[in-house]
Amino acid sequence: MHDELLELKNLGKTSAQWLHASGIHNASDLRRLGAVDAYRAVKARGFRASKVLLYAIEGALMDVNWNDLPPAHKAELNGLLDAIPAHNKR
């Protein structure tokens, strides 16, 4: 079976499985949600994903290795993640 998510940079089998289980099945779904909301969706399903998944998703959307995201960009993602109160998070 063809898995479009596995073709994206940074995303491996486990992260693709988590994304699928969270209702994210292709690059279009990922782009529509964005990295922060996709990460929230995975966490809401109970998966024990670290912040590396957040960075990996953002890197996948930008077609860069997550390690190459500047620290300021990672801080911005963390700020967006923390900006919404827990009761509003997915």
PDB file of N, CA and C in Angstrom:
ATOM      1  N   MET A   1       0.837  -1.196   0.000  1.00  0.00           N
ATOM      2  CA  MET A   1       0.000   0.000   0.000  1.00  0.00           C
ATOM      3  C   MET A   1       0.876   1.253   0.000  1.00  0.00           C
ATOM      4  N   HIS A   2       0.531   2.188  -0.823  1.00  0.00           N
ATOM      5  CA  HIS A   2       1.269   3.449  -0.943  1.00  0.00           C
ATOM      6  C   HIS A   2       0.929   4.360   0.239  1.00  0.00           C
ATOM      7  N   ASP A   3       1.950   4.860   0.908  1.00  0.00           N
ATOM      8  CA  ASP A   3       1.734   5.774   2.033  1.00  0.00           C
ATOM      9  C   ASP A   3       2.450   7.084   1.735  1.00  0.00           C
ATOM     10  N   GLU A   4       1.672   8.075   1.361  1.00  0.00           N
ATOM     11  CA  GLU A   4       2.213   9.379   0.995  1.00  0.00           C
ATOM     12  C   GLU A   4       3.000  10.021   2.134  1.00  0.00           C
ATOM     13  N   LEU A   5       2.585   9.787   3.377  1.00  0.00           N
ATOM     14  CA  LEU A   5       3.281  10.396   4.512  1.00  0.00           C
ATOM     15  C   LEU A   5       4.717   9.901   4.618  1.00  0.00           C
ATOM     16  N   LEU A   6       4.956   8.641   4.257  1.00  0.00           N
ATOM     17  CA  LEU A   6       6.311   8.089   4.335  1.00  0.00           C
ATOM     18  C   LEU A   6       7.256   8.695   3.302  1.00  0.00           C
ATOM     19  N   GLU A   7       6.699   9.352   2.309  1.00  0.00           N
ATOM     20  CA  GLU A   7       7.526  10.007   1.291  1.00  0.00           C
ATOM     21  C   GLU A   7       8.023  11.370   1.761  1.00  0.00           C
ATOM     22  N   LEU A   8       7.428  11.888   2.831  1.00  0.00           N
ATOM     23  CA  LEU A   8       7.833  13.198   3.351  1.00  0.00           C
ATOM     24  C   LEU A   8       9.076  13.064   4.210  1.00  0.00           C
ATOM     25  N   LYS A   9       9.913  14.068   4.143  1.00  0.00           N
ATOM     26  CA  LYS A   9      11.128  14.117   4.954  1.00  0.00           C
ATOM     27  C   LYS A   9      10.760  14.039   6.433  1.00  0.00           C
ATOM     28  N   ASN A  10      11.545  13.342   7.209  1.00  0.00           N
ATOM     29  CA  ASN A  10      11.446  13.234   8.669  1.00  0.00           C
ATOM     30  C   ASN A  10      10.414  12.245   9.183  1.00  0.00           C
ATOM     31  N   LEU A  11       9.474  11.815   8.361  1.00  0.00           N
ATOM     32  CA  LEU A  11       8.400  10.957   8.858  1.00  0.00           C
ATOM     33  C   LEU A  11       8.699   9.493   8.564  1.00  0.00           C
ATOM     34  N   GLY A  12       8.749   8.710   9.629  1.00  0.00           N
ATOM     35  CA  GLY A  12       8.986   7.279   9.504  1.00  0.00           C
ATOM     36  C   GLY A  12       7.719   6.499   9.758  1.00  0.00           C
ATOM     37  N   LYS A  13       7.884   5.193   9.874  1.00  0.00           N
ATOM     38  CA  LYS A  13       6.744   4.302  10.009  1.00  0.00           C
ATOM     39  C   LYS A  13       5.889   4.633  11.239  1.00  0.00           C
ATOM     40  N   THR A  14       6.515   4.830  12.380  1.00  0.00           N
ATOM     41  CA  THR A  14       5.756   5.085  13.601  1.00  0.00           C
ATOM     42  C   THR A  14       5.023   6.417  13.538  1.00  0.00           C
ATOM     43  N   SER A  15       5.704   7.460  13.115  1.00  0.00           N
ATOM     44  CA  SER A  15       5.032   8.760  13.045  1.00  0.00           C
ATOM     45  C   SER A  15       3.900   8.725  12.024  1.00  0.00           C
ATOM     46  N   ALA A  16       4.086   8.032  10.912  1.00  0.00           N
ATOM     47  CA  ALA A  16       3.013   7.908   9.919  1.00  0.00           C
ATOM     48  C   ALA A  16       1.825   7.142  10.503  1.00  0.00           C
ATOM     49  N   GLN A  17       2.101   6.093  11.261  1.00  0.00           N
ATOM     50  CA  GLN A  17       1.015   5.326  11.894  1.00  0.00           C
ATOM     51  C   GLN A  17       0.246   6.205  12.882  1.00  0.00           C
ATOM     52  N   TRP A  18       0.963   6.976  13.671  1.00  0.00           N
ATOM     53  CA  TRP A  18       0.312   7.874  14.628  1.00  0.00           C
ATOM     54  C   TRP A  18      -0.554   8.901  13.903  1.00  0.00           C
ATOM     55  N   LEU A  19      -0.021   9.463  12.831  1.00  0.00           N
ATOM     56  CA  LEU A  19      -0.777  10.457  12.069  1.00  0.00           C
ATOM     57  C   LEU A  19      -2.031   9.826  11.459  1.00  0.00           C
ATOM     58  N   HIS A  20      -1.889   8.635  10.882  1.00  0.00           N
ATOM     59  CA  HIS A  20      -3.058   7.942  10.317  1.00  0.00           C
ATOM     60  C   HIS A  20      -4.114   7.700  11.389  1.00  0.00           C
ATOM     61  N   ALA A  21      -3.680   7.232  12.560  1.00  0.00           N
ATOM     62  CA  ALA A  21      -4.612   6.963  13.659  1.00  0.00           C
ATOM     63  C   ALA A  21      -5.307   8.238  14.131  1.00  0.00           C
ATOM     64  N   SER A  22      -4.696   9.374  13.839  1.00  0.00           N
ATOM     65  CA  SER A  22      -5.237  10.679  14.231  1.00  0.00           C
ATOM     66  C   SER A  22      -6.065  11.320  13.120  1.00  0.00           C
ATOM     67  N   GLY A  23      -6.279  10.585  12.033  1.00  0.00           N
ATOM     68  CA  GLY A  23      -7.102  11.085  10.931  1.00  0.00           C
ATOM     69  C   GLY A  23      -6.346  11.883   9.890  1.00  0.00           C
ATOM     70  N   ILE A  24      -5.039  11.808   9.928  1.00  0.00           N
ATOM     71  CA  ILE A  24      -4.196  12.541   8.973  1.00  0.00           C
ATOM     72  C   ILE A  24      -3.594  11.495   8.039  1.00  0.00           C
ATOM     73  N   HIS A  25      -4.038  11.481   6.782  1.00  0.00           N
ATOM     74  CA  HIS A  25      -3.690  10.388   5.886  1.00  0.00           C
ATOM     75  C   HIS A  25      -2.776  10.760   4.721  1.00  0.00           C
ATOM     76  N   ASN A  26      -2.573  12.047   4.492  1.00  0.00           N
ATOM     77  CA  ASN A  26      -1.728  12.438   3.365  1.00  0.00           C
ATOM     78  C   ASN A  26      -1.145  13.833   3.608  1.00  0.00           C
ATOM     79  N   ALA A  27      -0.310  14.257   2.688  1.00  0.00           N
ATOM     80  CA  ALA A  27       0.360  15.551   2.825  1.00  0.00           C
ATOM     81  C   ALA A  27      -0.649  16.699   2.825  1.00  0.00           C
ATOM     82  N   SER A  28      -1.720  16.541   2.092  1.00  0.00           N
ATOM     83  CA  SER A  28      -2.755  17.579   2.050  1.00  0.00           C
ATOM     84  C   SER A  28      -3.401  17.749   3.426  1.00  0.00           C
ATOM     85  N   ASP A  29      -3.718  16.641   4.083  1.00  0.00           N
ATOM     86  CA  ASP A  29      -4.265  16.708   5.446  1.00  0.00           C
ATOM     87  C   ASP A  29      -3.280  17.414   6.374  1.00  0.00           C
ATOM     88  N   LEU A  30      -2.009  17.059   6.234  1.00  0.00           N
ATOM     89  CA  LEU A  30      -0.965  17.632   7.088  1.00  0.00           C
ATOM     90  C   LEU A  30      -0.840  19.133   6.853  1.00  0.00           C
ATOM     91  N   ARG A  31      -0.846  19.546   5.605  1.00  0.00           N
ATOM     92  CA  ARG A  31      -0.748  20.976   5.286  1.00  0.00           C
ATOM     93  C   ARG A  31      -1.966  21.743   5.803  1.00  0.00           C
ATOM     94  N   ARG A  32      -3.145  21.136   5.655  1.00  0.00           N
ATOM     95  CA  ARG A  32      -4.382  21.780   6.103  1.00  0.00           C
ATOM     96  C   ARG A  32      -4.343  22.034   7.614  1.00  0.00           C
ATOM     97  N   LEU A  33      -3.865  21.073   8.376  1.00  0.00           N
ATOM     98  CA  LEU A  33      -3.816  21.218   9.838  1.00  0.00           C
ATOM     99  C   LEU A  33      -2.635  22.052  10.305  1.00  0.00           C
ATOM    100  N   GLY A  34      -1.499  21.860   9.662  1.00  0.00           N
ATOM    101  CA  GLY A  34      -0.271  22.488  10.128  1.00  0.00           C
ATOM    102  C   GLY A  34       0.377  21.629  11.198  1.00  0.00           C
ATOM    103  N   ALA A  35       1.621  21.903  11.482  1.00  0.00           N
ATOM    104  CA  ALA A  35       2.400  21.069  12.395  1.00  0.00           C
ATOM    105  C   ALA A  35       1.832  21.056  13.812  1.00  0.00           C
ATOM    106  N   VAL A  36       1.453  22.209  14.323  1.00  0.00           N
ATOM    107  CA  VAL A  36       1.001  22.299  15.720  1.00  0.00           C
ATOM    108  C   VAL A  36      -0.292  21.510  15.913  1.00  0.00           C
ATOM    109  N   ASP A  37      -1.269  21.702  15.048  1.00  0.00           N
ATOM    110  CA  ASP A  37      -2.533  20.992  15.207  1.00  0.00           C
ATOM    111  C   ASP A  37      -2.392  19.504  14.908  1.00  0.00           C
ATOM    112  N   ALA A  38      -1.521  19.135  13.983  1.00  0.00           N
ATOM    113  CA  ALA A  38      -1.276  17.716  13.712  1.00  0.00           C
ATOM    114  C   ALA A  38      -0.641  17.063  14.938  1.00  0.00           C
ATOM    115  N   TYR A  39       0.316  17.748  15.541  1.00  0.00           N
ATOM    116  CA  TYR A  39       0.959  17.233  16.757  1.00  0.00           C
ATOM    117  C   TYR A  39      -0.074  17.100  17.879  1.00  0.00           C
ATOM    118  N   ARG A  40      -0.916  18.093  18.026  1.00  0.00           N
ATOM    119  CA  ARG A  40      -1.982  18.035  19.044  1.00  0.00           C
ATOM    120  C   ARG A  40      -2.899  16.838  18.810  1.00  0.00           C
ATOM    121  N   ALA A  41      -3.228  16.580  17.542  1.00  0.00           N
ATOM    122  CA  ALA A  41      -4.111  15.456  17.212  1.00  0.00           C
ATOM    123  C   ALA A  41      -3.474  14.129  17.625  1.00  0.00           C
ATOM    124  N   VAL A  42      -2.190  13.991  17.386  1.00  0.00           N
ATOM    125  CA  VAL A  42      -1.476  12.774  17.777  1.00  0.00           C
ATOM    126  C   VAL A  42      -1.471  12.627  19.298  1.00  0.00           C
ATOM    127  N   LYS A  43      -1.159  13.702  19.993  1.00  0.00           N
ATOM    128  CA  LYS A  43      -1.132  13.669  21.459  1.00  0.00           C
ATOM    129  C   LYS A  43      -2.526  13.372  22.020  1.00  0.00           C
ATOM    130  N   ALA A  44      -3.569  13.904  21.390  1.00  0.00           N
ATOM    131  CA  ALA A  44      -4.942  13.688  21.857  1.00  0.00           C
ATOM    132  C   ALA A  44      -5.355  12.221  21.747  1.00  0.00           C
ATOM    133  N   ARG A  45      -4.726  11.494  20.843  1.00  0.00           N
ATOM    134  CA  ARG A  45      -5.009  10.067  20.687  1.00  0.00           C
ATOM    135  C   ARG A  45      -4.270   9.239  21.737  1.00  0.00           C
ATOM    136  N   GLY A  46      -3.463   9.905  22.559  1.00  0.00           N
ATOM    137  CA  GLY A  46      -2.780   9.206  23.642  1.00  0.00           C
ATOM    138  C   GLY A  46      -1.386   8.712  23.309  1.00  0.00           C
ATOM    139  N   PHE A  47      -0.886   9.036  22.140  1.00  0.00           N
ATOM    140  CA  PHE A  47       0.466   8.611  21.784  1.00  0.00           C
ATOM    141  C   PHE A  47       1.488   9.436  22.554  1.00  0.00           C
ATOM    142  N   ARG A  48       2.557   8.803  22.962  1.00  0.00           N
ATOM    143  CA  ARG A  48       3.584   9.464  23.764  1.00  0.00           C
ATOM    144  C   ARG A  48       4.647  10.093  22.862  1.00  0.00           C
ATOM    145  N   ALA A  49       4.212  11.012  22.066  1.00  0.00           N
ATOM    146  CA  ALA A  49       5.102  11.689  21.115  1.00  0.00           C
ATOM    147  C   ALA A  49       5.855  12.808  21.816  1.00  0.00           C
ATOM    148  N   SER A  50       7.126  12.920  21.505  1.00  0.00           N
ATOM    149  CA  SER A  50       7.935  14.019  22.043  1.00  0.00           C
ATOM    150  C   SER A  50       7.830  15.222  21.113  1.00  0.00           C
ATOM    151  N   LYS A  51       8.423  16.315  21.537  1.00  0.00           N
ATOM    152  CA  LYS A  51       8.425  17.529  20.712  1.00  0.00           C
ATOM    153  C   LYS A  51       9.166  17.305  19.390  1.00  0.00           C
ATOM    154  N   VAL A  52      10.002  16.273  19.334  1.00  0.00           N
ATOM    155  CA  VAL A  52      10.692  15.985  18.076  1.00  0.00           C
ATOM    156  C   VAL A  52       9.674  15.718  16.973  1.00  0.00           C
ATOM    157  N   LEU A  53       8.537  15.101  17.312  1.00  0.00           N
ATOM    158  CA  LEU A  53       7.510  14.879  16.293  1.00  0.00           C
ATOM    159  C   LEU A  53       6.978  16.212  15.776  1.00  0.00           C
ATOM    160  N   LEU A  54       6.776  17.156  16.663  1.00  0.00           N
ATOM    161  CA  LEU A  54       6.332  18.495  16.240  1.00  0.00           C
ATOM    162  C   LEU A  54       7.316  19.081  15.234  1.00  0.00           C
ATOM    163  N   TYR A  55       8.593  19.007  15.554  1.00  0.00           N
ATOM    164  CA  TYR A  55       9.624  19.554  14.666  1.00  0.00           C
ATOM    165  C   TYR A  55       9.717  18.741  13.371  1.00  0.00           C
ATOM    166  N   ALA A  56       9.553  17.423  13.481  1.00  0.00           N
ATOM    167  CA  ALA A  56       9.611  16.562  12.297  1.00  0.00           C
ATOM    168  C   ALA A  56       8.470  16.893  11.334  1.00  0.00           C
ATOM    169  N   ILE A  57       7.277  17.114  11.880  1.00  0.00           N
ATOM    170  CA  ILE A  57       6.142  17.466  11.027  1.00  0.00           C
ATOM    171  C   ILE A  57       6.383  18.813  10.353  1.00  0.00           C
ATOM    172  N   GLU A  58       6.852  19.788  11.118  1.00  0.00           N
ATOM    173  CA  GLU A  58       7.139  21.102  10.533  1.00  0.00           C
ATOM    174  C   GLU A  58       8.201  20.976   9.449  1.00  0.00           C
ATOM    175  N   GLY A  59       9.243  20.207   9.723  1.00  0.00           N
ATOM    176  CA  GLY A  59      10.281  19.985   8.724  1.00  0.00           C
ATOM    177  C   GLY A  59       9.733  19.289   7.487  1.00  0.00           C
ATOM    178  N   ALA A  60       8.833  18.336   7.688  1.00  0.00           N
ATOM    179  CA  ALA A  60       8.217  17.645   6.554  1.00  0.00           C
ATOM    180  C   ALA A  60       7.441  18.629   5.686  1.00  0.00           C
ATOM    181  N   LEU A  61       6.716  19.528   6.332  1.00  0.00           N
ATOM    182  CA  LEU A  61       5.948  20.530   5.585  1.00  0.00           C
ATOM    183  C   LEU A  61       6.852  21.505   4.841  1.00  0.00           C
ATOM    184  N   MET A  62       8.031  21.756   5.397  1.00  0.00           N
ATOM    185  CA  MET A  62       8.970  22.688   4.775  1.00  0.00           C
ATOM    186  C   MET A  62       9.999  21.984   3.886  1.00  0.00           C
ATOM    187  N   ASP A  63       9.982  20.646   3.893  1.00  0.00           N
ATOM    188  CA  ASP A  63      10.937  19.817   3.156  1.00  0.00           C
ATOM    189  C   ASP A  63      12.378  20.072   3.608  1.00  0.00           C
ATOM    190  N   VAL A  64      12.558  20.129   4.934  1.00  0.00           N
ATOM    191  CA  VAL A  64      13.895  20.256   5.514  1.00  0.00           C
ATOM    192  C   VAL A  64      14.018  19.266   6.670  1.00  0.00           C
ATOM    193  N   ASN A  65      15.227  18.894   6.994  1.00  0.00           N
ATOM    194  CA  ASN A  65      15.464  18.037   8.139  1.00  0.00           C
ATOM    195  C   ASN A  65      15.086  18.794   9.405  1.00  0.00           C
ATOM    196  N   TRP A  66      14.412  18.128  10.323  1.00  0.00           N
ATOM    197  CA  TRP A  66      13.951  18.820  11.529  1.00  0.00           C
ATOM    198  C   TRP A  66      15.113  19.407  12.325  1.00  0.00           C
ATOM    199  N   ASN A  67      16.291  18.795  12.249  1.00  0.00           N
ATOM    200  CA  ASN A  67      17.466  19.329  12.952  1.00  0.00           C
ATOM    201  C   ASN A  67      17.911  20.667  12.380  1.00  0.00           C
ATOM    202  N   ASP A  68      17.513  20.936  11.148  1.00  0.00           N
ATOM    203  CA  ASP A  68      17.915  22.186  10.490  1.00  0.00           C
ATOM    204  C   ASP A  68      16.957  23.345  10.766  1.00  0.00           C
ATOM    205  N   LEU A  69      15.866  23.086  11.493  1.00  0.00           N
ATOM    206  CA  LEU A  69      14.977  24.192  11.868  1.00  0.00           C
ATOM    207  C   LEU A  69      15.716  25.083  12.854  1.00  0.00           C
ATOM    208  N   PRO A  70      15.729  26.372  12.630  1.00  0.00           N
ATOM    209  CA  PRO A  70      16.425  27.271  13.546  1.00  0.00           C
ATOM    210  C   PRO A  70      15.789  27.223  14.946  1.00  0.00           C
ATOM    211  N   PRO A  71      16.597  27.398  15.980  1.00  0.00           N
ATOM    212  CA  PRO A  71      16.063  27.394  17.348  1.00  0.00           C
ATOM    213  C   PRO A  71      14.903  28.378  17.537  1.00  0.00           C
ATOM    214  N   ALA A  72      14.961  29.508  16.882  1.00  0.00           N
ATOM    215  CA  ALA A  72      13.878  30.494  17.004  1.00  0.00           C
ATOM    216  C   ALA A  72      12.573  29.949  16.417  1.00  0.00           C
ATOM    217  N   HIS A  73      12.680  29.182  15.344  1.00  0.00           N
ATOM    218  CA  HIS A  73      11.486  28.595  14.731  1.00  0.00           C
ATOM    219  C   HIS A  73      10.894  27.522  15.651  1.00  0.00           C
ATOM    220  N   LYS A  74      11.757  26.712  16.252  1.00  0.00           N
ATOM    221  CA  LYS A  74      11.289  25.707  17.205  1.00  0.00           C
ATOM    222  C   LYS A  74      10.620  26.387  18.397  1.00  0.00           C
ATOM    223  N   ALA A  75      11.201  27.478  18.851  1.00  0.00           N
ATOM    224  CA  ALA A  75      10.612  28.222  19.970  1.00  0.00           C
ATOM    225  C   ALA A  75       9.247  28.779  19.584  1.00  0.00           C
ATOM    226  N   GLU A  76       9.115  29.245  18.349  1.00  0.00           N
ATOM    227  CA  GLU A  76       7.830  29.755  17.871  1.00  0.00           C
ATOM    228  C   GLU A  76       6.785  28.638  17.863  1.00  0.00           C
ATOM    229  N   LEU A  77       7.161  27.447  17.391  1.00  0.00           N
ATOM    230  CA  LEU A  77       6.241  26.308  17.393  1.00  0.00           C
ATOM    231  C   LEU A  77       5.808  25.966  18.814  1.00  0.00           C
ATOM    232  N   ASN A  78       6.767  25.959  19.738  1.00  0.00           N
ATOM    233  CA  ASN A  78       6.447  25.673  21.140  1.00  0.00           C
ATOM    234  C   ASN A  78       5.523  26.739  21.710  1.00  0.00           C
ATOM    235  N   GLY A  79       5.736  27.972  21.333  1.00  0.00           N
ATOM    236  CA  GLY A  79       4.873  29.056  21.786  1.00  0.00           C
ATOM    237  C   GLY A  79       3.456  28.888  21.281  1.00  0.00           C
ATOM    238  N   LEU A  80       3.319  28.490  20.016  1.00  0.00           N
ATOM    239  CA  LEU A  80       1.992  28.251  19.453  1.00  0.00           C
ATOM    240  C   LEU A  80       1.318  27.069  20.150  1.00  0.00           C
ATOM    241  N   LEU A  81       2.097  26.061  20.442  1.00  0.00           N
ATOM    242  CA  LEU A  81       1.563  24.880  21.123  1.00  0.00           C
ATOM    243  C   LEU A  81       1.066  25.239  22.515  1.00  0.00           C
ATOM    244  N   ASP A  82       1.801  26.090  23.204  1.00  0.00           N
ATOM    245  CA  ASP A  82       1.461  26.462  24.584  1.00  0.00           C
ATOM    246  C   ASP A  82       0.446  27.595  24.669  1.00  0.00           C
ATOM    247  N   ALA A  83       0.176  28.251  23.548  1.00  0.00           N
ATOM    248  CA  ALA A  83      -0.676  29.445  23.564  1.00  0.00           C
ATOM    249  C   ALA A  83      -2.150  29.141  23.792  1.00  0.00           C
ATOM    250  N   ILE A  84      -2.573  27.952  23.473  1.00  0.00           N
ATOM    251  CA  ILE A  84      -3.982  27.608  23.596  1.00  0.00           C
ATOM    252  C   ILE A  84      -4.203  26.841  24.903  1.00  0.00           C
ATOM    253  N   PRO A  85      -5.132  27.278  25.734  1.00  0.00           N
ATOM    254  CA  PRO A  85      -5.400  26.578  26.993  1.00  0.00           C
ATOM    255  C   PRO A  85      -5.729  25.111  26.768  1.00  0.00           C
ATOM    256  N   ALA A  86      -5.384  24.276  27.730  1.00  0.00           N
ATOM    257  CA  ALA A  86      -5.540  22.832  27.605  1.00  0.00           C
ATOM    258  C   ALA A  86      -6.961  22.414  27.243  1.00  0.00           C
ATOM    259  N   HIS A  87      -7.990  23.095  27.759  1.00  0.00           N
ATOM    260  CA  HIS A  87      -9.358  22.681  27.460  1.00  0.00           C
ATOM    261  C   HIS A  87      -9.752  22.945  26.016  1.00  0.00           C
ATOM    262  N   ASN A  88      -8.967  23.766  25.295  1.00  0.00           N
ATOM    263  CA  ASN A  88      -9.244  24.023  23.882  1.00  0.00           C
ATOM    264  C   ASN A  88      -8.411  23.163  22.968  1.00  0.00           C
ATOM    265  N   LYS A  89      -7.427  22.455  23.506  1.00  0.00           N
ATOM    266  CA  LYS A  89      -6.566  21.624  22.681  1.00  0.00           C
ATOM    267  C   LYS A  89      -7.306  20.373  22.256  1.00  0.00           C
ATOM    268  N   ARG A  90      -6.943  19.880  21.063  1.00  0.00           N
ATOM    269  CA  ARG A  90      -7.548  18.647  20.547  1.00  0.00           C
ATOM    270  C   ARG A  90      -7.102  17.471  21.363  1.00  0.00           C
TER     271      ARG A  90
END
